[in-house]
Amino acid sequence: MLYAVCDEVVDQYGLVVHEVEVDIIGLERAVFDTGARDVTADIYSLKREVLEFRSAEDPLVPVMQEIVRGRVPECGSTREYFRDVQDHLLRVDGQVDAHNELLNSVLTAHLALLGKRQNEDMRKISAWAAIIAVPTAMAGIYGMNFDHMPELHWTFGYPLALAVMAVVCTLLFRRLRKSGWL
């Protein structure tokens, strides 16, 4: 009777491990999908499930070892059957360890990709700030109201200042776009 219960439990563990593996594959695809949503919470949730599963199956390993070694006399005639259950249990235990490591790797890759996206966003923000800084600096200089600025009295002084701002901003925009910042 004990053998049948243990065999059924370990077989169910195998099914759970397979389902966790399917979930991990789905998470891996979601991590590397460029338009996917943030899956950090999903990774942590699945990692928590794997750890809970480990705490459920791990205590059975030493029990099976004791039975297979013959330290439980009531199970002496069925030791070979229990050895088969132990083999399946050790396989499941190894898969749980592998899934835990794989989830660590998925989380690391996900965080690296998030960092990369944030760096790209920061480069774009910095590029636009540099473009906006040019007219701001020029307006700041002209806003000081110096008396000895001859272009203030020219007919084309104002349009020339606007044209210089536009040309410098356009050149800066093209340069930043060419370098991949925009």
N, C-alpha and C. Protein backbone atom coordinates (compact mmCIF):
# COMPACT_ATOMS: atom_id res chain seq x y z
N MET A 1 0.82 -1.19 0.00
CA MET A 1 0.00 0.00 0.00
C MET A 1 0.87 1.26 0.00
N LEU A 2 1.91 1.25 0.83
CA LEU A 2 2.81 2.40 0.91
C LEU A 2 3.49 2.63 -0.43
N TYR A 3 3.88 1.55 -1.08
CA TYR A 3 4.52 1.68 -2.39
C TYR A 3 3.57 2.36 -3.38
N ALA A 4 2.32 1.94 -3.42
CA ALA A 4 1.35 2.52 -4.36
C ALA A 4 1.16 4.00 -4.11
N VAL A 5 1.08 4.39 -2.84
CA VAL A 5 0.91 5.81 -2.50
C VAL A 5 2.15 6.60 -2.91
N CYS A 6 3.32 6.11 -2.58
CA CYS A 6 4.56 6.80 -2.93
C CYS A 6 4.73 6.91 -4.44
N ASP A 7 4.42 5.83 -5.13
CA ASP A 7 4.54 5.83 -6.59
C ASP A 7 3.59 6.86 -7.20
N GLU A 8 2.38 6.92 -6.72
CA GLU A 8 1.40 7.89 -7.24
C GLU A 8 1.83 9.32 -6.94
N VAL A 9 2.32 9.57 -5.74
CA VAL A 9 2.77 10.91 -5.37
C VAL A 9 3.92 11.35 -6.27
N VAL A 10 4.90 10.48 -6.46
CA VAL A 10 6.06 10.83 -7.28
C VAL A 10 5.65 11.01 -8.74
N ASP A 11 4.72 10.19 -9.22
CA ASP A 11 4.22 10.38 -10.59
C ASP A 11 3.53 11.73 -10.75
N GLN A 12 2.78 12.13 -9.74
CA GLN A 12 2.14 13.46 -9.77
C GLN A 12 3.19 14.58 -9.72
N TYR A 13 4.26 14.35 -8.98
CA TYR A 13 5.36 15.31 -8.96
C TYR A 13 5.92 15.49 -10.37
N GLY A 14 6.04 14.39 -11.09
CA GLY A 14 6.54 14.47 -12.47
C GLY A 14 5.65 15.33 -13.35
N LEU A 15 4.33 15.20 -13.18
CA LEU A 15 3.41 16.03 -13.96
C LEU A 15 3.54 17.51 -13.59
N VAL A 16 3.71 17.77 -12.31
CA VAL A 16 3.88 19.16 -11.86
C VAL A 16 5.15 19.76 -12.45
N VAL A 17 6.23 18.97 -12.42
CA VAL A 17 7.50 19.45 -12.98
C VAL A 17 7.33 19.77 -14.46
N HIS A 18 6.60 18.94 -15.18
CA HIS A 18 6.37 19.20 -16.60
C HIS A 18 5.59 20.50 -16.79
N GLU A 19 4.56 20.73 -16.00
CA GLU A 19 3.77 21.96 -16.11
C GLU A 19 4.62 23.20 -15.78
N VAL A 20 5.48 23.08 -14.79
CA VAL A 20 6.38 24.19 -14.45
C VAL A 20 7.32 24.47 -15.61
N GLU A 21 7.79 23.42 -16.25
CA GLU A 21 8.68 23.58 -17.40
C GLU A 21 7.97 24.32 -18.53
N VAL A 22 6.72 24.00 -18.77
CA VAL A 22 5.94 24.69 -19.80
C VAL A 22 5.81 26.17 -19.45
N ASP A 23 5.55 26.46 -18.17
CA ASP A 23 5.44 27.86 -17.72
C ASP A 23 6.76 28.61 -17.89
N ILE A 24 7.87 27.94 -17.61
CA ILE A 24 9.18 28.57 -17.76
C ILE A 24 9.46 28.89 -19.23
N ILE A 25 9.12 27.97 -20.10
CA ILE A 25 9.32 28.21 -21.54
C ILE A 25 8.50 29.42 -21.99
N GLY A 26 7.26 29.52 -21.50
CA GLY A 26 6.44 30.68 -21.82
C GLY A 26 7.04 31.97 -21.29
N LEU A 27 7.59 31.94 -20.09
CA LEU A 27 8.24 33.13 -19.53
C LEU A 27 9.48 33.51 -20.32
N GLU A 28 10.25 32.52 -20.74
CA GLU A 28 11.43 32.82 -21.56
C GLU A 28 11.04 33.53 -22.84
N ARG A 29 9.99 33.05 -23.47
CA ARG A 29 9.53 33.70 -24.70
C ARG A 29 9.06 35.12 -24.43
N ALA A 30 8.37 35.31 -23.32
CA ALA A 30 7.87 36.64 -22.97
C ALA A 30 9.02 37.60 -22.67
N VAL A 31 10.08 37.10 -22.05
CA VAL A 31 11.22 37.95 -21.71
C VAL A 31 11.89 38.46 -22.98
N PHE A 32 12.05 37.59 -23.96
CA PHE A 32 12.77 37.98 -25.16
C PHE A 32 11.87 38.54 -26.26
N ASP A 33 10.58 38.63 -25.99
CA ASP A 33 9.65 39.28 -26.92
C ASP A 33 9.79 40.78 -26.73
N THR A 34 10.13 41.49 -27.80
CA THR A 34 10.45 42.92 -27.67
C THR A 34 9.25 43.76 -27.25
N GLY A 35 8.06 43.39 -27.62
CA GLY A 35 6.89 44.19 -27.28
C GLY A 35 6.12 43.67 -26.08
N ALA A 36 6.72 42.76 -25.34
CA ALA A 36 6.00 42.11 -24.23
C ALA A 36 5.91 43.04 -23.02
N ARG A 37 4.99 42.69 -22.17
CA ARG A 37 4.81 43.43 -20.92
C ARG A 37 5.91 43.04 -19.94
N ASP A 38 5.97 43.74 -18.83
CA ASP A 38 6.96 43.44 -17.79
C ASP A 38 6.55 42.14 -17.09
N VAL A 39 7.45 41.17 -17.10
CA VAL A 39 7.13 39.84 -16.54
C VAL A 39 7.88 39.56 -15.24
N THR A 40 8.42 40.59 -14.61
CA THR A 40 9.18 40.41 -13.38
C THR A 40 8.34 39.72 -12.32
N ALA A 41 7.12 40.19 -12.13
CA ALA A 41 6.23 39.59 -11.11
C ALA A 41 5.93 38.13 -11.45
N ASP A 42 5.76 37.82 -12.72
CA ASP A 42 5.49 36.44 -13.12
C ASP A 42 6.69 35.53 -12.83
N ILE A 43 7.89 36.05 -13.06
CA ILE A 43 9.09 35.27 -12.79
C ILE A 43 9.20 34.98 -11.30
N TYR A 44 8.99 36.01 -10.48
CA TYR A 44 9.07 35.81 -9.03
C TYR A 44 7.97 34.86 -8.55
N SER A 45 6.80 34.97 -9.13
CA SER A 45 5.70 34.09 -8.73
C SER A 45 6.03 32.63 -9.05
N LEU A 46 6.54 32.39 -10.25
CA LEU A 46 6.90 31.01 -10.63
C LEU A 46 8.08 30.52 -9.79
N LYS A 47 9.00 31.40 -9.49
CA LYS A 47 10.13 31.01 -8.64
C LYS A 47 9.62 30.62 -7.25
N ARG A 48 8.65 31.33 -6.73
CA ARG A 48 8.05 31.01 -5.44
C ARG A 48 7.37 29.64 -5.51
N GLU A 49 6.68 29.36 -6.61
CA GLU A 49 6.03 28.06 -6.77
C GLU A 49 7.06 26.93 -6.80
N VAL A 50 8.17 27.16 -7.48
CA VAL A 50 9.23 26.14 -7.55
C VAL A 50 9.80 25.89 -6.16
N LEU A 51 10.02 26.95 -5.40
CA LEU A 51 10.55 26.78 -4.05
C LEU A 51 9.54 26.06 -3.13
N GLU A 52 8.26 26.37 -3.28
CA GLU A 52 7.24 25.66 -2.51
C GLU A 52 7.17 24.19 -2.92
N PHE A 53 7.31 23.94 -4.20
CA PHE A 53 7.31 22.56 -4.68
C PHE A 53 8.52 21.80 -4.13
N ARG A 54 9.66 22.49 -4.11
CA ARG A 54 10.86 21.86 -3.56
C ARG A 54 10.65 21.50 -2.09
N SER A 55 10.01 22.39 -1.34
CA SER A 55 9.79 22.10 0.08
C SER A 55 8.79 20.96 0.26
N ALA A 56 7.98 20.69 -0.76
CA ALA A 56 7.04 19.56 -0.67
C ALA A 56 7.71 18.24 -1.04
N GLU A 57 8.58 18.26 -2.05
CA GLU A 57 9.15 16.99 -2.51
C GLU A 57 10.47 16.64 -1.84
N ASP A 58 11.18 17.62 -1.34
CA ASP A 58 12.50 17.38 -0.76
C ASP A 58 12.48 16.44 0.45
N PRO A 59 11.52 16.56 1.36
CA PRO A 59 11.53 15.65 2.52
C PRO A 59 11.32 14.18 2.18
N LEU A 60 10.77 13.91 1.00
CA LEU A 60 10.52 12.53 0.62
C LEU A 60 11.81 11.80 0.21
N VAL A 61 12.83 12.55 -0.20
CA VAL A 61 14.08 11.94 -0.67
C VAL A 61 14.74 11.12 0.44
N PRO A 62 14.98 11.67 1.64
CA PRO A 62 15.62 10.83 2.67
C PRO A 62 14.75 9.65 3.11
N VAL A 63 13.44 9.81 3.06
CA VAL A 63 12.55 8.69 3.42
C VAL A 63 12.74 7.55 2.43
N MET A 64 12.77 7.87 1.16
CA MET A 64 12.97 6.83 0.13
C MET A 64 14.34 6.19 0.29
N GLN A 65 15.35 6.99 0.62
CA GLN A 65 16.68 6.43 0.81
C GLN A 65 16.71 5.44 1.98
N GLU A 66 16.02 5.76 3.04
CA GLU A 66 15.96 4.85 4.20
C GLU A 66 15.25 3.55 3.83
N ILE A 67 14.17 3.65 3.08
CA ILE A 67 13.43 2.45 2.68
C ILE A 67 14.29 1.58 1.76
N VAL A 68 14.96 2.21 0.78
CA VAL A 68 15.77 1.45 -0.18
C VAL A 68 16.97 0.81 0.51
N ARG A 69 17.53 1.45 1.51
CA ARG A 69 18.67 0.88 2.23
C ARG A 69 18.26 -0.26 3.16
N GLY A 70 16.97 -0.46 3.35
CA GLY A 70 16.50 -1.57 4.18
C GLY A 70 16.36 -1.22 5.64
N ARG A 71 16.34 0.03 5.96
CA ARG A 71 16.23 0.45 7.37
C ARG A 71 14.79 0.47 7.85
N VAL A 72 13.85 0.20 6.94
CA VAL A 72 12.44 0.08 7.32
C VAL A 72 12.07 -1.38 7.06
N PRO A 73 12.08 -2.22 8.10
CA PRO A 73 11.90 -3.66 7.90
C PRO A 73 10.56 -4.04 7.30
N GLU A 74 9.53 -3.26 7.52
CA GLU A 74 8.21 -3.60 6.99
C GLU A 74 8.18 -3.54 5.46
N CYS A 75 9.13 -2.85 4.86
CA CYS A 75 9.14 -2.69 3.40
C CYS A 75 10.23 -3.51 2.73
N GLY A 76 10.76 -4.50 3.43
CA GLY A 76 11.88 -5.29 2.92
C GLY A 76 11.59 -6.00 1.62
N SER A 77 10.41 -6.57 1.45
CA SER A 77 10.11 -7.33 0.25
C SER A 77 9.83 -6.45 -0.97
N THR A 78 9.60 -5.18 -0.74
CA THR A 78 9.28 -4.27 -1.85
C THR A 78 10.38 -3.24 -2.08
N ARG A 79 11.56 -3.52 -1.59
CA ARG A 79 12.65 -2.55 -1.74
C ARG A 79 12.95 -2.22 -3.19
N GLU A 80 12.90 -3.20 -4.06
CA GLU A 80 13.18 -2.95 -5.48
C GLU A 80 12.15 -2.00 -6.09
N TYR A 81 10.91 -2.15 -5.68
CA TYR A 81 9.87 -1.24 -6.17
C TYR A 81 10.14 0.18 -5.67
N PHE A 82 10.53 0.28 -4.41
CA PHE A 82 10.84 1.59 -3.85
C PHE A 82 12.08 2.20 -4.49
N ARG A 83 13.00 1.36 -4.95
CA ARG A 83 14.18 1.88 -5.65
C ARG A 83 13.76 2.58 -6.93
N ASP A 84 12.76 2.01 -7.61
CA ASP A 84 12.23 2.65 -8.81
C ASP A 84 11.59 4.00 -8.47
N VAL A 85 10.83 4.04 -7.38
CA VAL A 85 10.22 5.29 -6.94
C VAL A 85 11.30 6.31 -6.58
N GLN A 86 12.35 5.82 -5.93
CA GLN A 86 13.45 6.72 -5.56
C GLN A 86 14.12 7.29 -6.80
N ASP A 87 14.34 6.46 -7.81
CA ASP A 87 14.94 6.95 -9.05
C ASP A 87 14.09 8.05 -9.67
N HIS A 88 12.78 7.85 -9.71
CA HIS A 88 11.89 8.87 -10.26
C HIS A 88 11.92 10.14 -9.41
N LEU A 89 11.96 9.95 -8.11
CA LEU A 89 11.99 11.09 -7.20
C LEU A 89 13.28 11.88 -7.35
N LEU A 90 14.40 11.19 -7.50
CA LEU A 90 15.67 11.89 -7.69
C LEU A 90 15.69 12.63 -9.03
N ARG A 91 15.07 12.05 -10.04
CA ARG A 91 14.97 12.73 -11.33
C ARG A 91 14.15 14.01 -11.18
N VAL A 92 13.02 13.92 -10.46
CA VAL A 92 12.18 15.09 -10.21
C VAL A 92 12.96 16.13 -9.41
N ASP A 93 13.68 15.69 -8.40
CA ASP A 93 14.47 16.60 -7.57
C ASP A 93 15.51 17.34 -8.42
N GLY A 94 16.15 16.62 -9.30
CA GLY A 94 17.13 17.26 -10.21
C GLY A 94 16.47 18.26 -11.14
N GLN A 95 15.29 17.91 -11.63
CA GLN A 95 14.57 18.83 -12.51
C GLN A 95 14.14 20.09 -11.76
N VAL A 96 13.74 19.94 -10.52
CA VAL A 96 13.36 21.11 -9.71
C VAL A 96 14.57 22.03 -9.53
N ASP A 97 15.74 21.44 -9.25
CA ASP A 97 16.96 22.24 -9.13
C ASP A 97 17.27 22.95 -10.45
N ALA A 98 17.13 22.23 -11.55
CA ALA A 98 17.39 22.82 -12.87
C ALA A 98 16.41 23.95 -13.16
N HIS A 99 15.14 23.76 -12.79
CA HIS A 99 14.15 24.81 -13.02
C HIS A 99 14.45 26.05 -12.18
N ASN A 100 14.90 25.83 -10.97
CA ASN A 100 15.26 26.96 -10.10
C ASN A 100 16.41 27.75 -10.71
N GLU A 101 17.42 27.05 -11.20
CA GLU A 101 18.56 27.72 -11.84
C GLU A 101 18.13 28.42 -13.12
N LEU A 102 17.27 27.76 -13.88
CA LEU A 102 16.79 28.37 -15.13
C LEU A 102 16.00 29.64 -14.84
N LEU A 103 15.19 29.62 -13.80
CA LEU A 103 14.45 30.83 -13.42
C LEU A 103 15.40 31.94 -12.98
N ASN A 104 16.47 31.59 -12.29
CA ASN A 104 17.48 32.60 -11.95
C ASN A 104 18.07 33.22 -13.21
N SER A 105 18.36 32.37 -14.20
CA SER A 105 18.92 32.87 -15.46
C SER A 105 17.91 33.72 -16.21
N VAL A 106 16.66 33.31 -16.22
CA VAL A 106 15.61 34.09 -16.89
C VAL A 106 15.47 35.45 -16.22
N LEU A 107 15.49 35.47 -14.90
CA LEU A 107 15.38 36.73 -14.18
C LEU A 107 16.57 37.64 -14.47
N THR A 108 17.76 37.07 -14.51
CA THR A 108 18.95 37.85 -14.82
C THR A 108 18.87 38.43 -16.23
N ALA A 109 18.47 37.62 -17.18
CA ALA A 109 18.33 38.10 -18.56
C ALA A 109 17.26 39.18 -18.65
N HIS A 110 16.14 38.98 -17.96
CA HIS A 110 15.07 39.97 -17.98
C HIS A 110 15.54 41.30 -17.40
N LEU A 111 16.24 41.26 -16.28
CA LEU A 111 16.73 42.50 -15.67
C LEU A 111 17.78 43.17 -16.56
N ALA A 112 18.60 42.39 -17.24
CA ALA A 112 19.58 42.97 -18.17
C ALA A 112 18.89 43.66 -19.33
N LEU A 113 17.84 43.03 -19.86
CA LEU A 113 17.09 43.65 -20.96
C LEU A 113 16.38 44.93 -20.50
N LEU A 114 15.84 44.90 -19.28
CA LEU A 114 15.20 46.11 -18.74
C LEU A 114 16.22 47.24 -18.60
N GLY A 115 17.41 46.90 -18.11
CA GLY A 115 18.47 47.90 -17.99
C GLY A 115 18.87 48.47 -19.34
N LYS A 116 18.92 47.61 -20.34
CA LYS A 116 19.26 48.06 -21.69
C LYS A 116 18.20 49.02 -22.23
N ARG A 117 16.94 48.68 -22.02
CA ARG A 117 15.86 49.57 -22.48
C ARG A 117 15.90 50.91 -21.75
N GLN A 118 16.19 50.87 -20.46
CA GLN A 118 16.28 52.11 -19.70
C GLN A 118 17.45 52.96 -20.19
N ASN A 119 18.56 52.34 -20.53
CA ASN A 119 19.70 53.08 -21.07
C ASN A 119 19.34 53.73 -22.40
N GLU A 120 18.60 53.01 -23.23
CA GLU A 120 18.18 53.59 -24.50
C GLU A 120 17.26 54.78 -24.27
N ASP A 121 16.35 54.66 -23.33
CA ASP A 121 15.46 55.78 -23.01
C ASP A 121 16.25 56.97 -22.49
N MET A 122 17.23 56.72 -21.64
CA MET A 122 18.04 57.81 -21.10
C MET A 122 18.85 58.50 -22.19
N ARG A 123 19.32 57.74 -23.15
CA ARG A 123 20.05 58.36 -24.26
C ARG A 123 19.13 59.27 -25.06
N LYS A 124 17.91 58.82 -25.31
CA LYS A 124 16.97 59.67 -26.05
C LYS A 124 16.63 60.93 -25.28
N ILE A 125 16.40 60.80 -24.00
CA ILE A 125 16.09 61.97 -23.17
C ILE A 125 17.28 62.93 -23.17
N SER A 126 18.48 62.40 -23.03
CA SER A 126 19.68 63.25 -23.04
C SER A 126 19.86 63.94 -24.38
N ALA A 127 19.60 63.23 -25.47
CA ALA A 127 19.73 63.83 -26.80
C ALA A 127 18.75 64.98 -26.97
N TRP A 128 17.51 64.77 -26.58
CA TRP A 128 16.52 65.85 -26.70
C TRP A 128 16.86 67.02 -25.79
N ALA A 129 17.41 66.72 -24.61
CA ALA A 129 17.83 67.80 -23.70
C ALA A 129 18.96 68.61 -24.33
N ALA A 130 19.88 67.97 -25.03
CA ALA A 130 20.96 68.68 -25.70
C ALA A 130 20.42 69.56 -26.81
N ILE A 131 19.47 69.06 -27.56
CA ILE A 131 18.87 69.87 -28.65
C ILE A 131 18.15 71.09 -28.07
N ILE A 132 17.43 70.90 -27.00
CA ILE A 132 16.68 72.00 -26.39
C ILE A 132 17.63 72.99 -25.71
N ALA A 133 18.79 72.55 -25.30
CA ALA A 133 19.74 73.43 -24.61
C ALA A 133 20.28 74.53 -25.53
N VAL A 134 20.39 74.27 -26.82
CA VAL A 134 20.93 75.26 -27.76
C VAL A 134 20.05 76.51 -27.81
N PRO A 135 18.76 76.42 -28.13
CA PRO A 135 17.96 77.66 -28.15
C PRO A 135 17.82 78.28 -26.76
N THR A 136 17.83 77.45 -25.74
CA THR A 136 17.73 77.98 -24.38
C THR A 136 18.95 78.83 -24.05
N ALA A 137 20.13 78.35 -24.40
CA ALA A 137 21.36 79.11 -24.14
C ALA A 137 21.39 80.40 -24.95
N MET A 138 21.01 80.32 -26.20
CA MET A 138 21.01 81.52 -27.04
C MET A 138 19.98 82.53 -26.53
N ALA A 139 18.81 82.07 -26.15
CA ALA A 139 17.79 82.98 -25.62
C ALA A 139 18.26 83.59 -24.31
N GLY A 140 19.01 82.82 -23.51
CA GLY A 140 19.55 83.34 -22.26
C GLY A 140 20.55 84.45 -22.51
N ILE A 141 21.39 84.29 -23.50
CA ILE A 141 22.38 85.32 -23.83
C ILE A 141 21.69 86.58 -24.32
N TYR A 142 20.75 86.42 -25.25
CA TYR A 142 20.05 87.60 -25.78
C TYR A 142 19.11 88.21 -24.76
N GLY A 143 18.72 87.44 -23.77
CA GLY A 143 17.82 87.97 -22.74
C GLY A 143 18.53 88.80 -21.69
N MET A 144 19.87 88.90 -21.77
CA MET A 144 20.62 89.68 -20.79
C MET A 144 20.56 91.18 -21.07
N ASN A 145 20.06 91.56 -22.23
CA ASN A 145 19.86 92.98 -22.59
C ASN A 145 21.14 93.81 -22.50
N PHE A 146 22.20 93.33 -23.11
CA PHE A 146 23.43 94.12 -23.18
C PHE A 146 23.22 95.28 -24.15
N ASP A 147 23.88 96.38 -23.91
CA ASP A 147 23.78 97.55 -24.81
C ASP A 147 24.66 97.41 -26.03
N HIS A 148 25.74 96.67 -25.93
CA HIS A 148 26.71 96.62 -27.01
C HIS A 148 26.61 95.31 -27.79
N MET A 149 25.46 94.98 -28.24
CA MET A 149 25.25 93.83 -29.12
C MET A 149 24.72 94.38 -30.43
N PRO A 150 25.63 94.52 -31.42
CA PRO A 150 25.22 95.20 -32.66
C PRO A 150 24.07 94.50 -33.40
N GLU A 151 24.00 93.18 -33.30
CA GLU A 151 22.95 92.48 -34.05
C GLU A 151 21.56 92.81 -33.53
N LEU A 152 21.46 93.38 -32.33
CA LEU A 152 20.15 93.78 -31.80
C LEU A 152 19.56 94.94 -32.59
N HIS A 153 20.42 95.71 -33.22
CA HIS A 153 19.96 96.88 -33.98
C HIS A 153 19.89 96.62 -35.47
N TRP A 154 20.27 95.45 -35.92
CA TRP A 154 20.21 95.11 -37.34
C TRP A 154 18.76 94.79 -37.72
N THR A 155 18.44 94.97 -38.96
CA THR A 155 17.11 94.64 -39.44
C THR A 155 16.89 93.13 -39.43
N PHE A 156 17.94 92.40 -39.78
CA PHE A 156 17.83 90.94 -39.86
C PHE A 156 18.44 90.23 -38.63
N GLY A 157 18.67 90.95 -37.57
CA GLY A 157 19.28 90.37 -36.36
C GLY A 157 18.41 89.29 -35.74
N TYR A 158 17.14 89.56 -35.58
CA TYR A 158 16.22 88.60 -34.97
C TYR A 158 16.04 87.36 -35.85
N PRO A 159 15.74 87.54 -37.16
CA PRO A 159 15.62 86.35 -38.01
C PRO A 159 16.94 85.56 -38.10
N LEU A 160 18.07 86.26 -38.06
CA LEU A 160 19.36 85.57 -38.11
C LEU A 160 19.55 84.71 -36.85
N ALA A 161 19.21 85.25 -35.69
CA ALA A 161 19.33 84.47 -34.44
C ALA A 161 18.43 83.24 -34.48
N LEU A 162 17.22 83.39 -34.98
CA LEU A 162 16.31 82.25 -35.11
C LEU A 162 16.84 81.22 -36.11
N ALA A 163 17.42 81.71 -37.21
CA ALA A 163 17.97 80.81 -38.22
C ALA A 163 19.17 80.04 -37.66
N VAL A 164 20.03 80.71 -36.91
CA VAL A 164 21.18 80.03 -36.30
C VAL A 164 20.70 78.96 -35.32
N MET A 165 19.70 79.31 -34.52
CA MET A 165 19.14 78.31 -33.58
C MET A 165 18.61 77.10 -34.34
N ALA A 166 17.86 77.34 -35.41
CA ALA A 166 17.26 76.25 -36.18
C ALA A 166 18.33 75.39 -36.84
N VAL A 167 19.37 76.03 -37.40
CA VAL A 167 20.43 75.28 -38.08
C VAL A 167 21.21 74.43 -37.07
N VAL A 168 21.58 75.03 -35.94
CA VAL A 168 22.34 74.27 -34.93
C VAL A 168 21.51 73.11 -34.39
N CYS A 169 20.22 73.35 -34.12
CA CYS A 169 19.35 72.27 -33.62
C CYS A 169 19.19 71.17 -34.66
N THR A 170 19.06 71.55 -35.94
CA THR A 170 18.92 70.57 -37.01
C THR A 170 20.19 69.74 -37.16
N LEU A 171 21.35 70.40 -37.13
CA LEU A 171 22.62 69.67 -37.24
C LEU A 171 22.81 68.73 -36.04
N LEU A 172 22.47 69.22 -34.87
CA LEU A 172 22.58 68.38 -33.68
C LEU A 172 21.62 67.19 -33.76
N PHE A 173 20.40 67.42 -34.24
CA PHE A 173 19.42 66.34 -34.39
C PHE A 173 19.94 65.27 -35.35
N ARG A 174 20.46 65.70 -36.50
CA ARG A 174 20.97 64.74 -37.49
C ARG A 174 22.15 63.94 -36.94
N ARG A 175 23.04 64.64 -36.25
CA ARG A 175 24.22 63.98 -35.68
C ARG A 175 23.80 62.93 -34.63
N LEU A 176 22.87 63.30 -33.77
CA LEU A 176 22.42 62.37 -32.74
C LEU A 176 21.64 61.20 -33.33
N ARG A 177 20.86 61.47 -34.36
CA ARG A 177 20.13 60.37 -35.01
C ARG A 177 21.08 59.42 -35.72
N LYS A 178 22.11 59.97 -36.33
CA LYS A 178 23.11 59.14 -37.03
C LYS A 178 23.89 58.26 -36.05
N SER A 179 24.13 58.79 -34.85
CA SER A 179 24.88 58.02 -33.85
C SER A 179 24.00 57.01 -33.11
N GLY A 180 22.68 57.05 -33.37
CA GLY A 180 21.79 56.07 -32.76
C GLY A 180 21.16 56.50 -31.45
N TRP A 181 21.35 57.75 -31.09
CA TRP A 181 20.77 58.24 -29.83
C TRP A 181 19.31 58.64 -30.02
N LEU A 182 18.90 58.90 -31.21
CA LEU A 182 17.49 59.24 -31.49
C LEU A 182 16.90 58.27 -32.50
